[in-house]
Amino acid sequence: MQKTRLIGSALAMAILPMAMSSAWAQEAPKLTAEEMEKGKQIYFERCAGCHGVLRKGATGKNLEPHWTKTAPDGTKLEGGTLKLGTDRLEKIIAYGTEGGMVNYDDILTKEEINLMARYIQNEPPIPPEFSLKDMKDSWKLIVPVKDRPTKQMNKVNLKNVFAITLRDAGKLALVDGDTHKIWKILDTGYAVHISRLSASGRYVYTVGRDGLTTIIDMFYEEPTTVATVRLGSDARSVDTSKFKGYEDKYLIGGTYWPPQYSIMDGETLEPIKVVSTRGQTVDGEYHPEPRVASIVASLQKPEWVVNVKETGMVLLVDYSDIKNLKTTTIESAKFLHDGGWDASGRYFMVAANASNKVAAVDTKTGKLAALVDTAKIPHPGRGANFVHPEFGPVWATGHLGDAVVSLISTASDDPKFAKYKDHNWKVVQELKMPGAGNLFVKTHPKSKNFWADAPMNPEREIAEAVFVFDKADLKKEPVRLDVAKDSGLPESKAIRRAVQPEYNEAGDEVWISLWGGKTDQSAIVIYDDKTLKVKKVITDPAVVTPTGKFNVYNTMHDVY
């Protein structure tokens, strides 16, 4: 039996809402100043993304001290008597849970696990704010626009370049998709969350979890970083202005801390404006840490779609007049996270993951089209679009907390799909996965396949594999590909997680990151989409903890 099974229900019991009592005033474990600093760093790198800087929870559970500190013997919780505190928290951190939390016993040492179990029983430190002045002070224009190349100075097929996050190294690898060779590895912010492309495909924009944003110019003989700026202390998303006439004029970036978004010059990153997202949730309660999750640029209007996690508000930010900024606020559901466009490019589909819903935002009318109930904790990445043989156009999301992939029927203005309208905004099919823990699903218009990973599953044989469905017969069991075995790398004590299938420009290859530990060799495993056989394994020593991959053409044109 997997060790995580023993404590999955215990976590649920441990952090269930309960009546507070004076008995909870017990003193937290003491930490030295050195331990506190180390705990802060580990929490930022490993925990804050799901649990929040202030530990109020979102995708992950609330970790404020009134839930985590040791309760006196005899405290009654739902389901029986339970004692919280260091020992139980160590087990949760070490072994993970079935709800999507990864096990850390192969990532952190026993001493670090013990430290984190004690750290989260103490009050969370509050990071400093980050103002427009702070942004301007951090801004570095390395190469002015006038000094950059006026034409492409290399012979690389830029449309088929892959931008690959090397998470723990704080770097980005740009890989030539035609030759399968690493073109250049550049320093970026820590744990780049996404890479976005300019409207022309020339510039790669990255944002790290430490808030550092960079522009990389691919017109040079070798890719060159031409500007950087820091948005705050914790960030996740950027995108340019893409509406006709505004191409790359502006860049917007959203931060987890402080809770705000920032607008910059699209070619230089010079800071222009900072806008706070603090305010009321869809339930009418004030929230001090409503983090900015995903941001995308609409092609319907000169607007960005800004998804605010804790409030459940979707903001349509009109950038046609930055000085007199106009924003449409759309109520959806709490804990908005990631998402992507439907096939028409009109509806943005975003997961309200802790509410177990997907919101469909109509960017043409500026209104919510639907709130769709799904299985537990949807996590689509950008999702996946294809025409279902029975239900017409669908958009797909996997789930961190349930062993299914949900297919949602989407609306279309195309008359040939009118016969499917009764299915619109409903989950029309659930594809069975071997376990929960999915992060990304992917397909391509030229492919007969639909790919899904499960890197957050606690079981090695699932986390190290990907699963390939036949779009023509979705009732068939998926083909399981053991990516770790196919890589040819020697066995490792740590799980090497197979994460984020990404197609090449032609739609005939699928690239998978095999995400190992800092000290273990990782790899990029490339499969032939038709035969499902390995074509190439990239195992360069510089490929350290690879995670997200973004093909230039597919990212520019929202092909997923």
Protein backbone atom coordinates (compact mmCIF):
# COMPACT_ATOMS: atom_id res chain seq x y z
CA MET A 1 0.00 0.00 0.00
CA GLN A 2 1.28 3.45 -0.84
CA LYS A 3 2.22 5.39 2.27
CA THR A 4 0.20 8.41 1.15
CA ARG A 5 -3.00 6.36 1.47
CA LEU A 6 -2.49 6.18 5.22
CA ILE A 7 -2.70 9.90 5.72
CA GLY A 8 -4.92 11.23 2.93
CA SER A 9 -7.99 11.18 5.12
CA ALA A 10 -5.96 12.39 8.08
CA LEU A 11 -5.11 15.62 6.26
CA ALA A 12 -8.74 16.23 5.48
CA MET A 13 -9.60 15.73 9.16
CA ALA A 14 -6.63 17.78 10.26
CA ILE A 15 -7.58 20.91 8.37
CA LEU A 16 -11.37 20.77 8.39
CA PRO A 17 -13.10 23.92 9.61
CA MET A 18 -13.99 23.55 13.24
CA ALA A 19 -15.21 25.56 16.20
CA MET A 20 -12.38 27.60 17.68
CA SER A 21 -11.68 27.43 21.40
CA SER A 22 -9.30 28.99 23.84
CA ALA A 23 -7.40 25.69 23.92
CA TRP A 24 -5.91 26.64 20.54
CA ALA A 25 -3.84 29.40 22.11
CA GLN A 26 -0.96 26.94 22.61
CA GLU A 27 2.49 28.35 21.90
CA ALA A 28 4.06 27.52 18.52
CA PRO A 29 7.41 25.69 18.31
CA LYS A 30 10.39 28.00 18.74
CA LEU A 31 12.59 28.71 15.73
CA THR A 32 16.01 30.32 15.62
CA ALA A 33 16.50 33.31 13.34
CA GLU A 34 18.44 31.05 10.94
CA GLU A 35 15.64 28.46 10.91
CA MET A 36 13.04 31.16 10.28
CA GLU A 37 14.93 32.47 7.25
CA LYS A 38 15.42 28.98 5.83
CA GLY A 39 11.75 28.16 6.44
CA LYS A 40 10.69 31.36 4.64
CA GLN A 41 12.81 30.44 1.62
CA ILE A 42 11.54 26.86 1.39
CA TYR A 43 7.95 27.99 1.87
CA PHE A 44 8.28 30.54 -0.93
CA GLU A 45 9.87 28.03 -3.32
CA ARG A 46 7.67 25.04 -2.56
CA CYS A 47 4.47 26.00 -0.75
CA ALA A 48 3.27 29.57 -1.36
CA GLY A 49 1.94 28.87 -4.84
CA CYS A 50 -0.83 26.62 -3.53
CA HIS A 51 -1.27 27.79 0.07
CA GLY A 52 -0.69 31.54 -0.34
CA VAL A 53 1.93 33.90 1.07
CA LEU A 54 -0.33 34.56 4.07
CA ARG A 55 -1.22 30.83 4.20
CA LYS A 56 -4.93 31.44 3.81
CA GLY A 57 -5.19 28.67 1.23
CA ALA A 58 -6.56 28.37 -2.31
CA THR A 59 -5.64 25.30 -4.33
CA GLY A 60 -4.00 24.04 -1.13
CA LYS A 61 -5.44 24.06 2.39
CA ASN A 62 -5.37 26.94 4.86
CA LEU A 63 -2.12 26.68 6.83
CA GLU A 64 -2.60 29.43 9.39
CA PRO A 65 -1.43 28.50 12.90
CA HIS A 66 -4.94 27.99 14.27
CA TRP A 67 -5.13 24.91 12.02
CA THR A 68 -1.54 23.73 12.26
CA LYS A 69 -0.55 24.16 15.91
CA THR A 70 -0.83 21.16 18.22
CA ALA A 71 -4.32 20.75 19.64
CA PRO A 72 -4.74 19.43 23.19
CA ASP A 73 -5.63 15.77 23.61
CA GLY A 74 -9.36 15.27 23.43
CA THR A 75 -10.10 18.05 20.95
CA LYS A 76 -13.10 16.83 19.01
CA LEU A 77 -12.90 16.99 15.26
CA GLU A 78 -15.26 15.68 12.63
CA GLY A 79 -14.77 11.92 12.48
CA GLY A 80 -13.20 11.46 15.91
CA THR A 81 -10.36 12.65 18.10
CA LEU A 82 -7.18 13.92 16.53
CA LYS A 83 -3.99 15.58 17.70
CA LEU A 84 -2.32 18.05 15.32
CA GLY A 85 1.20 19.36 15.42
CA THR A 86 4.71 18.57 14.30
CA ASP A 87 4.55 14.78 13.97
CA ARG A 88 1.40 14.72 11.87
CA LEU A 89 2.51 17.67 9.74
CA GLU A 90 5.82 15.92 9.05
CA LYS A 91 3.92 12.95 7.64
CA ILE A 92 1.71 15.14 5.46
CA ILE A 93 4.71 17.03 4.07
CA ALA A 94 6.76 13.88 3.53
CA TYR A 95 4.15 11.63 1.96
CA GLY A 96 1.77 14.02 0.19
CA THR A 97 -1.96 13.52 -0.17
CA GLU A 98 -4.40 12.14 -2.68
CA GLY A 99 -5.82 15.65 -3.10
CA GLY A 100 -2.92 16.79 -5.26
CA MET A 101 -0.14 17.64 -2.80
CA VAL A 102 3.11 16.03 -3.93
CA ASN A 103 5.29 14.06 -1.53
CA TYR A 104 8.40 15.94 -0.41
CA ASP A 105 10.40 13.06 1.08
CA ASP A 106 12.45 12.93 -2.13
CA ILE A 107 12.75 16.72 -2.42
CA LEU A 108 13.44 17.91 1.15
CA THR A 109 15.72 16.32 3.75
CA LYS A 110 14.27 14.92 6.99
CA GLU A 111 15.64 17.97 8.77
CA GLU A 112 13.96 20.33 6.31
CA ILE A 113 10.65 18.47 6.62
CA ASN A 114 10.84 18.81 10.39
CA LEU A 115 11.68 22.51 10.03
CA MET A 116 8.68 23.12 7.76
CA ALA A 117 6.35 21.25 10.13
CA ARG A 118 7.44 23.65 12.88
CA TYR A 119 7.62 26.73 10.63
CA ILE A 120 3.97 26.60 9.55
CA GLN A 121 2.83 26.51 13.19
CA ASN A 122 4.26 30.01 13.57
CA GLU A 123 2.58 33.20 12.35
CA PRO A 124 3.36 33.85 8.67
CA PRO A 125 5.74 36.75 8.04
CA ILE A 126 4.20 39.44 5.82
CA PRO A 127 6.41 40.48 2.88
CA PRO A 128 6.85 44.15 2.01
CA GLU A 129 4.69 45.93 -0.57
CA PHE A 130 6.11 46.73 -4.01
CA SER A 131 5.35 50.12 -5.53
CA LEU A 132 5.70 51.67 -8.97
CA LYS A 133 8.88 53.33 -7.70
CA ASP A 134 10.23 49.95 -6.59
CA MET A 135 9.53 48.62 -10.08
CA LYS A 136 11.28 51.57 -11.72
CA ASP A 137 14.28 51.11 -9.44
CA SER A 138 14.53 47.45 -10.52
CA TRP A 139 14.14 48.15 -14.26
CA LYS A 140 17.16 47.44 -16.47
CA LEU A 141 17.11 48.36 -20.15
CA ILE A 142 20.11 46.33 -21.30
CA VAL A 143 19.78 47.00 -25.03
CA PRO A 144 17.68 49.97 -26.25
CA VAL A 145 15.28 49.21 -29.11
CA LYS A 146 17.30 51.34 -31.56
CA ASP A 147 20.39 49.18 -30.95
CA ARG A 148 18.69 45.83 -31.58
CA PRO A 149 18.88 43.93 -34.88
CA THR A 150 16.52 45.08 -37.60
CA LYS A 151 16.26 41.55 -39.07
CA GLN A 152 16.82 37.96 -37.98
CA MET A 153 20.59 37.33 -37.71
CA ASN A 154 20.40 33.53 -37.44
CA LYS A 155 18.99 30.68 -39.55
CA VAL A 156 16.94 29.02 -36.80
CA ASN A 157 13.27 28.30 -37.55
CA LEU A 158 11.94 30.55 -34.79
CA LYS A 159 8.40 29.17 -35.13
CA ASN A 160 9.58 25.77 -33.93
CA VAL A 161 11.72 26.91 -31.01
CA PHE A 162 10.77 25.55 -27.58
CA ALA A 163 11.14 27.73 -24.47
CA ILE A 164 11.73 25.30 -21.60
CA THR A 165 11.74 26.25 -17.92
CA LEU A 166 14.70 24.90 -15.92
CA ARG A 167 12.88 25.43 -12.66
CA ASP A 168 15.38 25.16 -9.82
CA ALA A 169 18.28 26.50 -11.89
CA GLY A 170 16.50 29.81 -12.51
CA LYS A 171 17.15 29.49 -16.22
CA LEU A 172 15.34 29.12 -19.54
CA ALA A 173 16.49 26.76 -22.30
CA LEU A 174 15.67 27.71 -25.88
CA VAL A 175 15.78 24.52 -27.96
CA ASP A 176 15.71 24.27 -31.76
CA GLY A 177 12.70 22.08 -32.49
CA ASP A 178 13.98 21.16 -35.97
CA THR A 179 17.39 19.87 -34.84
CA HIS A 180 16.50 18.95 -31.22
CA LYS A 181 19.60 20.83 -30.08
CA ILE A 182 19.86 23.35 -27.26
CA TRP A 183 20.27 26.77 -28.86
CA LYS A 184 20.89 28.84 -25.74
CA ILE A 185 20.38 28.70 -21.96
CA LEU A 186 19.70 32.06 -20.34
CA ASP A 187 19.42 33.31 -16.77
CA THR A 188 15.88 34.26 -15.80
CA GLY A 189 13.85 34.58 -12.63
CA TYR A 190 13.55 31.59 -10.32
CA ALA A 191 11.10 28.89 -11.52
CA VAL A 192 9.76 30.58 -14.64
CA HIS A 193 6.02 29.94 -14.60
CA ILE A 194 5.22 30.80 -18.20
CA SER A 195 6.88 32.02 -21.37
CA ARG A 196 4.84 34.28 -23.64
CA LEU A 197 5.59 35.37 -27.20
CA SER A 198 5.41 38.76 -28.86
CA ALA A 199 2.87 39.17 -31.65
CA SER A 200 5.72 38.91 -34.17
CA GLY A 201 7.27 35.83 -32.55
CA ARG A 202 10.56 37.69 -32.11
CA TYR A 203 10.55 38.21 -28.35
CA VAL A 204 10.14 35.67 -25.56
CA TYR A 205 8.77 37.13 -22.31
CA THR A 206 9.36 35.17 -19.11
CA VAL A 207 8.17 35.66 -15.55
CA GLY A 208 9.73 33.88 -12.58
CA ARG A 209 8.14 33.07 -9.27
CA ASP A 210 10.50 35.62 -7.73
CA GLY A 211 8.80 38.34 -9.80
CA LEU A 212 11.63 38.89 -12.28
CA THR A 213 10.41 39.48 -15.84
CA THR A 214 12.69 39.34 -18.87
CA ILE A 215 12.55 40.00 -22.63
CA ILE A 216 14.68 37.68 -24.75
CA ASP A 217 15.34 38.79 -28.35
CA MET A 218 15.65 35.83 -30.77
CA PHE A 219 16.77 37.98 -33.73
CA TYR A 220 20.38 37.94 -32.53
CA GLU A 221 22.78 35.21 -33.67
CA GLU A 222 22.26 33.83 -30.16
CA PRO A 223 19.20 34.79 -28.09
CA THR A 224 19.91 37.81 -25.90
CA THR A 225 18.17 39.27 -22.86
CA VAL A 226 17.46 42.92 -23.70
CA ALA A 227 15.53 44.13 -20.63
CA THR A 228 14.45 43.02 -17.16
CA VAL A 229 12.17 44.32 -14.42
CA ARG A 230 10.88 42.99 -11.11
CA LEU A 231 7.10 42.99 -10.59
CA GLY A 232 7.07 42.05 -6.90
CA SER A 233 8.25 39.16 -4.76
CA ASP A 234 6.03 36.41 -6.21
CA ALA A 235 4.60 36.33 -9.74
CA ARG A 236 2.99 33.96 -12.25
CA SER A 237 1.81 35.59 -15.46
CA VAL A 238 2.55 38.08 -18.24
CA ASP A 239 1.16 38.83 -21.69
CA THR A 240 1.45 41.53 -24.32
CA SER A 241 -1.19 43.66 -25.98
CA LYS A 242 -2.23 41.80 -29.15
CA PHE A 243 -5.28 43.58 -30.57
CA LYS A 244 -4.74 45.07 -34.04
CA GLY A 245 -2.93 48.37 -33.77
CA TYR A 246 -1.64 47.63 -30.26
CA GLU A 247 0.67 44.68 -31.03
CA ASP A 248 3.30 44.48 -28.25
CA LYS A 249 2.78 48.11 -27.26
CA TYR A 250 2.23 47.08 -23.64
CA LEU A 251 3.08 44.18 -21.36
CA ILE A 252 0.98 43.27 -18.33
CA GLY A 253 2.27 41.22 -15.40
CA GLY A 254 0.38 39.82 -12.44
CA THR A 255 1.76 39.07 -9.00
CA TYR A 256 0.86 36.77 -6.15
CA TRP A 257 2.57 39.22 -3.82
CA PRO A 258 1.76 42.01 -3.61
CA PRO A 259 -1.74 41.26 -4.96
CA GLN A 260 -1.70 43.55 -8.00
CA TYR A 261 -0.98 43.78 -11.70
CA SER A 262 1.48 46.04 -13.46
CA ILE A 263 1.57 47.54 -16.94
CA MET A 264 4.87 48.15 -18.74
CA ASP A 265 6.16 49.19 -22.12
CA GLY A 266 6.05 46.08 -24.31
CA GLU A 267 9.50 46.48 -25.88
CA THR A 268 11.50 47.97 -23.01
CA LEU A 269 9.62 46.88 -19.83
CA GLU A 270 9.64 50.45 -18.54
CA PRO A 271 7.03 50.47 -15.72
CA ILE A 272 3.91 52.55 -16.38
CA LYS A 273 1.17 51.65 -13.92
CA VAL A 274 0.41 49.43 -10.90
CA VAL A 275 -3.16 48.42 -9.99
CA SER A 276 -4.12 46.66 -6.74
CA THR A 277 -6.54 43.71 -6.76
CA ARG A 278 -7.41 43.78 -3.06
CA GLY A 279 -11.13 43.84 -2.44
CA GLN A 280 -14.30 41.80 -1.99
CA THR A 281 -14.76 38.21 -3.04
CA VAL A 282 -17.78 36.93 -4.96
CA ASP A 283 -19.19 36.08 -1.52
CA GLY A 284 -18.95 39.71 -0.42
CA GLU A 285 -16.06 39.24 2.02
CA TYR A 286 -12.88 41.32 2.01
CA HIS A 287 -9.71 39.41 1.14
CA PRO A 288 -6.23 40.85 1.84
CA GLU A 289 -4.37 38.62 -0.64
CA PRO A 290 -6.30 38.21 -3.90
CA ARG A 291 -3.50 36.97 -6.14
CA VAL A 292 -3.37 37.49 -9.89
CA ALA A 293 -3.32 34.08 -11.53
CA SER A 294 -3.57 33.74 -15.32
CA ILE A 295 -3.55 36.66 -17.76
CA VAL A 296 -4.28 36.45 -21.49
CA ALA A 297 -4.66 38.99 -24.28
CA SER A 298 -8.02 39.11 -26.03
CA LEU A 299 -8.23 39.29 -29.82
CA GLN A 300 -11.85 40.51 -29.64
CA LYS A 301 -11.03 43.93 -28.14
CA PRO A 302 -8.01 45.84 -26.81
CA GLU A 303 -8.34 44.05 -23.47
CA TRP A 304 -6.53 41.67 -21.18
CA VAL A 305 -8.37 38.96 -19.27
CA VAL A 306 -7.02 39.10 -15.71
CA ASN A 307 -8.09 36.31 -13.36
CA VAL A 308 -7.98 37.14 -9.64
CA LYS A 309 -7.66 33.95 -7.65
CA GLU A 310 -9.15 34.49 -4.20
CA THR A 311 -11.94 36.91 -5.13
CA GLY A 312 -13.24 34.88 -8.07
CA MET A 313 -13.38 38.05 -10.15
CA VAL A 314 -12.40 38.11 -13.83
CA LEU A 315 -11.19 41.55 -14.90
CA LEU A 316 -11.35 42.70 -18.52
CA VAL A 317 -8.73 45.46 -18.55
CA ASP A 318 -9.10 47.90 -21.47
CA TYR A 319 -5.62 49.12 -22.46
CA SER A 320 -6.75 51.56 -25.15
CA ASP A 321 -6.31 54.40 -22.63
CA ILE A 322 -3.81 53.52 -19.90
CA LYS A 323 -4.17 56.90 -18.16
CA ASN A 324 -7.94 56.48 -17.82
CA LEU A 325 -8.05 52.73 -17.29
CA LYS A 326 -11.44 51.06 -17.72
CA THR A 327 -12.11 47.66 -16.22
CA THR A 328 -15.08 45.31 -16.53
CA THR A 329 -15.47 43.09 -13.47
CA ILE A 330 -17.13 39.70 -14.00
CA GLU A 331 -18.19 37.56 -11.05
CA SER A 332 -17.37 33.86 -11.44
CA ALA A 333 -16.17 31.55 -8.64
CA LYS A 334 -13.36 31.67 -6.09
CA PHE A 335 -9.82 30.47 -6.54
CA LEU A 336 -9.39 31.17 -10.23
CA HIS A 337 -6.21 29.62 -11.55
CA ASP A 338 -5.18 28.76 -15.11
CA GLY A 339 -6.99 28.30 -18.38
CA GLY A 340 -7.04 28.75 -22.13
CA TRP A 341 -9.13 29.80 -25.11
CA ASP A 342 -11.80 27.66 -26.69
CA ALA A 343 -11.31 26.84 -30.37
CA SER A 344 -13.17 29.98 -31.51
CA GLY A 345 -10.94 32.33 -29.51
CA ARG A 346 -14.02 34.05 -28.12
CA TYR A 347 -14.41 32.27 -24.78
CA PHE A 348 -11.73 32.11 -22.15
CA MET A 349 -12.05 28.95 -20.05
CA VAL A 350 -10.56 29.32 -16.57
CA ALA A 351 -10.51 26.88 -13.68
CA ALA A 352 -11.92 27.97 -10.33
CA ASN A 353 -10.11 24.98 -8.98
CA ALA A 354 -10.94 24.89 -5.26
CA SER A 355 -14.61 25.52 -6.19
CA ASN A 356 -14.53 22.57 -8.63
CA LYS A 357 -15.78 24.73 -11.49
CA VAL A 358 -14.69 26.10 -14.83
CA ALA A 359 -15.79 29.62 -15.80
CA ALA A 360 -16.44 30.44 -19.47
CA VAL A 361 -15.86 34.15 -20.09
CA ASP A 362 -17.36 35.64 -23.26
CA THR A 363 -14.82 38.27 -24.28
CA LYS A 364 -17.09 39.51 -27.10
CA THR A 365 -19.97 40.51 -24.81
CA GLY A 366 -17.86 41.07 -21.69
CA LYS A 367 -20.02 38.71 -19.63
CA LEU A 368 -19.86 35.33 -17.96
CA ALA A 369 -21.21 32.71 -20.38
CA ALA A 370 -21.34 29.85 -17.89
CA LEU A 371 -20.06 28.30 -14.68
CA VAL A 372 -19.53 24.59 -15.29
CA ASP A 373 -19.38 22.11 -12.41
CA THR A 374 -16.49 19.66 -12.77
CA ALA A 375 -14.69 16.96 -10.85
CA LYS A 376 -12.35 17.93 -8.02
CA ILE A 377 -9.68 20.63 -8.51
CA PRO A 378 -9.59 21.23 -12.27
CA HIS A 379 -6.12 22.20 -13.51
CA PRO A 380 -6.16 22.63 -17.29
CA GLY A 381 -2.92 24.46 -17.99
CA ARG A 382 -4.22 25.95 -21.24
CA GLY A 383 -6.57 23.02 -21.76
CA ALA A 384 -7.10 21.25 -25.07
CA ASN A 385 -9.56 21.78 -27.95
CA PHE A 386 -10.91 19.26 -30.44
CA VAL A 387 -14.13 18.22 -32.18
CA HIS A 388 -15.73 15.33 -30.31
CA PRO A 389 -17.28 12.68 -32.60
CA GLU A 390 -20.55 12.85 -30.64
CA PHE A 391 -20.67 16.27 -28.94
CA GLY A 392 -18.92 18.63 -31.33
CA PRO A 393 -16.36 21.23 -30.15
CA VAL A 394 -15.06 20.48 -26.65
CA TRP A 395 -12.42 21.96 -24.37
CA ALA A 396 -10.68 19.62 -21.92
CA THR A 397 -9.27 19.93 -18.42
CA GLY A 398 -7.58 17.43 -16.17
CA HIS A 399 -7.86 17.40 -12.38
CA LEU A 400 -5.45 17.48 -9.49
CA GLY A 401 -7.97 15.88 -7.16
CA ASP A 402 -9.83 13.36 -9.32
CA ALA A 403 -8.86 10.55 -11.70
CA VAL A 404 -10.66 11.94 -14.76
CA VAL A 405 -10.26 14.37 -17.63
CA SER A 406 -13.42 16.46 -18.18
CA LEU A 407 -14.60 17.35 -21.68
CA ILE A 408 -16.77 20.50 -21.77
CA SER A 409 -18.93 21.32 -24.81
CA THR A 410 -18.19 24.86 -26.00
CA ALA A 411 -20.34 27.27 -27.99
CA SER A 412 -19.56 28.16 -31.58
CA ASP A 413 -20.80 30.76 -34.08
CA ASP A 414 -20.07 28.28 -36.89
CA PRO A 415 -23.45 27.06 -38.32
CA LYS A 416 -22.08 23.55 -38.82
CA PHE A 417 -21.88 23.15 -35.03
CA ALA A 418 -25.38 24.51 -34.29
CA LYS A 419 -26.76 21.00 -33.76
CA TYR A 420 -24.60 20.63 -30.63
CA LYS A 421 -25.85 23.76 -28.83
CA ASP A 422 -27.96 21.81 -26.32
CA HIS A 423 -24.73 20.35 -24.95
CA ASN A 424 -22.97 23.73 -24.58
CA TRP A 425 -21.32 24.48 -21.24
CA LYS A 426 -21.83 20.96 -19.89
CA VAL A 427 -19.35 18.23 -19.05
CA VAL A 428 -20.27 15.78 -21.80
CA GLN A 429 -17.71 13.08 -21.01
CA GLU A 430 -15.15 12.14 -18.36
CA LEU A 431 -12.11 10.21 -19.54
CA LYS A 432 -10.85 7.80 -16.90
CA MET A 433 -7.28 8.31 -15.75
CA PRO A 434 -5.31 5.79 -13.65
CA GLY A 435 -5.09 8.32 -10.82
CA ALA A 436 -5.40 11.97 -9.86
CA GLY A 437 -2.60 14.51 -10.10
CA ASN A 438 -2.94 15.78 -13.67
CA LEU A 439 -1.41 19.15 -14.52
CA PHE A 440 -1.61 19.38 -18.31
CA VAL A 441 -3.61 18.03 -21.24
CA LYS A 442 -2.73 18.61 -24.88
CA THR A 443 -3.74 17.86 -28.44
CA HIS A 444 -3.23 19.33 -31.91
CA PRO A 445 -5.54 19.87 -34.92
CA LYS A 446 -3.35 17.58 -37.04
CA SER A 447 -3.21 14.80 -34.44
CA LYS A 448 -5.53 11.87 -33.71
CA ASN A 449 -4.24 11.77 -30.13
CA PHE A 450 -5.02 13.47 -26.84
CA TRP A 451 -2.26 13.47 -24.19
CA ALA A 452 -2.53 13.79 -20.39
CA ASP A 453 0.11 13.73 -17.65
CA ALA A 454 -0.19 12.99 -13.92
CA PRO A 455 3.01 14.34 -12.32
CA MET A 456 1.42 15.21 -8.99
CA ASN A 457 0.27 11.65 -8.35
CA PRO A 458 2.12 10.13 -5.37
CA GLU A 459 2.58 6.75 -7.09
CA ARG A 460 5.81 6.50 -9.07
CA GLU A 461 4.45 4.40 -11.94
CA ILE A 462 1.75 7.03 -12.61
CA ALA A 463 3.81 10.18 -12.01
CA GLU A 464 6.57 8.98 -14.35
CA ALA A 465 4.17 8.21 -17.21
CA VAL A 466 1.85 9.98 -19.65
CA PHE A 467 -1.40 8.67 -21.09
CA VAL A 468 -2.51 8.93 -24.72
CA PHE A 469 -6.18 8.75 -25.73
CA ASP A 470 -7.51 8.10 -29.24
CA LYS A 471 -9.78 11.05 -30.15
CA ALA A 472 -11.75 8.87 -32.56
CA ASP A 473 -12.63 6.36 -29.82
CA LEU A 474 -12.46 8.00 -26.42
CA LYS A 475 -14.01 4.98 -24.70
CA LYS A 476 -10.81 3.00 -25.23
CA GLU A 477 -8.25 2.74 -22.45
CA PRO A 478 -5.42 5.23 -22.98
CA VAL A 479 -1.98 4.03 -24.01
CA ARG A 480 0.45 4.35 -21.10
CA LEU A 481 3.95 5.59 -21.96
CA ASP A 482 6.59 5.13 -19.26
CA VAL A 483 8.56 8.30 -19.90
CA ALA A 484 11.15 7.63 -17.19
CA LYS A 485 11.93 4.20 -18.63
CA ASP A 486 11.89 5.49 -22.21
CA SER A 487 14.44 8.17 -21.28
CA GLY A 488 17.13 5.54 -20.79
CA LEU A 489 18.31 7.24 -17.61
CA PRO A 490 19.39 5.04 -14.68
CA GLU A 491 16.83 4.52 -11.94
CA SER A 492 16.65 7.23 -9.32
CA LYS A 493 15.50 7.21 -5.71
CA ALA A 494 13.57 10.39 -6.40
CA ILE A 495 10.53 10.28 -8.66
CA ARG A 496 11.19 11.77 -12.09
CA ARG A 497 7.84 13.37 -12.95
CA ALA A 498 6.65 13.37 -16.56
CA VAL A 499 5.11 16.79 -17.10
CA GLN A 500 3.48 18.96 -19.77
CA PRO A 501 3.13 17.37 -23.19
CA GLU A 502 3.82 20.00 -25.86
CA TYR A 503 3.51 19.61 -29.63
CA ASN A 504 5.97 20.94 -32.15
CA GLU A 505 4.89 23.36 -34.88
CA ALA A 506 4.06 20.57 -37.35
CA GLY A 507 1.96 18.66 -34.84
CA ASP A 508 3.83 15.38 -35.35
CA GLU A 509 6.03 15.36 -32.22
CA VAL A 510 5.21 15.59 -28.53
CA TRP A 511 7.84 16.80 -26.07
CA ILE A 512 7.66 15.70 -22.41
CA SER A 513 9.69 17.10 -19.51
CA LEU A 514 11.09 14.42 -17.22
CA TRP A 515 11.42 16.47 -14.05
CA GLY A 516 13.97 15.05 -11.63
CA GLY A 517 15.62 16.45 -8.54
CA LYS A 518 18.38 19.06 -8.51
CA THR A 519 21.08 16.41 -8.21
CA ASP A 520 19.53 13.87 -10.60
CA GLN A 521 19.79 13.95 -14.38
CA SER A 522 16.55 15.16 -15.95
CA ALA A 523 15.56 14.93 -19.61
CA ILE A 524 13.30 16.05 -22.42
CA VAL A 525 11.77 12.98 -24.07
CA ILE A 526 10.42 13.50 -27.61
CA TYR A 527 7.82 11.09 -29.03
CA ASP A 528 6.57 10.56 -32.56
CA ASP A 529 2.87 11.41 -32.25
CA LYS A 530 1.80 8.80 -34.82
CA THR A 531 3.82 5.79 -33.65
CA LEU A 532 4.19 6.80 -29.96
CA LYS A 533 7.85 5.76 -30.22
CA VAL A 534 10.74 7.78 -28.80
CA LYS A 535 12.47 9.94 -31.42
CA LYS A 536 15.00 11.75 -29.26
CA VAL A 537 16.04 12.19 -25.62
CA ILE A 538 17.75 15.43 -24.61
CA THR A 539 19.88 14.70 -21.52
CA ASP A 540 22.36 17.54 -21.47
CA PRO A 541 23.71 18.13 -17.90
CA ALA A 542 22.42 21.69 -18.18
CA VAL A 543 18.84 20.39 -18.35
CA VAL A 544 18.13 20.79 -14.63
CA THR A 545 14.57 20.29 -13.31
CA PRO A 546 12.78 20.99 -16.64
CA THR A 547 9.06 21.73 -16.29
CA GLY A 548 6.93 23.92 -18.60
CA LYS A 549 7.60 24.02 -22.35
CA PHE A 550 6.19 26.51 -24.83
CA ASN A 551 6.50 26.02 -28.58
CA VAL A 552 6.72 29.44 -30.25
CA TYR A 553 4.16 28.87 -33.01
CA ASN A 554 1.63 27.03 -30.85
CA THR A 555 1.89 29.61 -28.05
CA MET A 556 1.51 32.53 -30.47
CA HIS A 557 -1.58 31.01 -32.10
CA ASP A 558 -3.13 29.32 -29.04
CA VAL A 559 -2.82 25.86 -30.59
CA TYR A 560 -3.71 23.37 -27.89
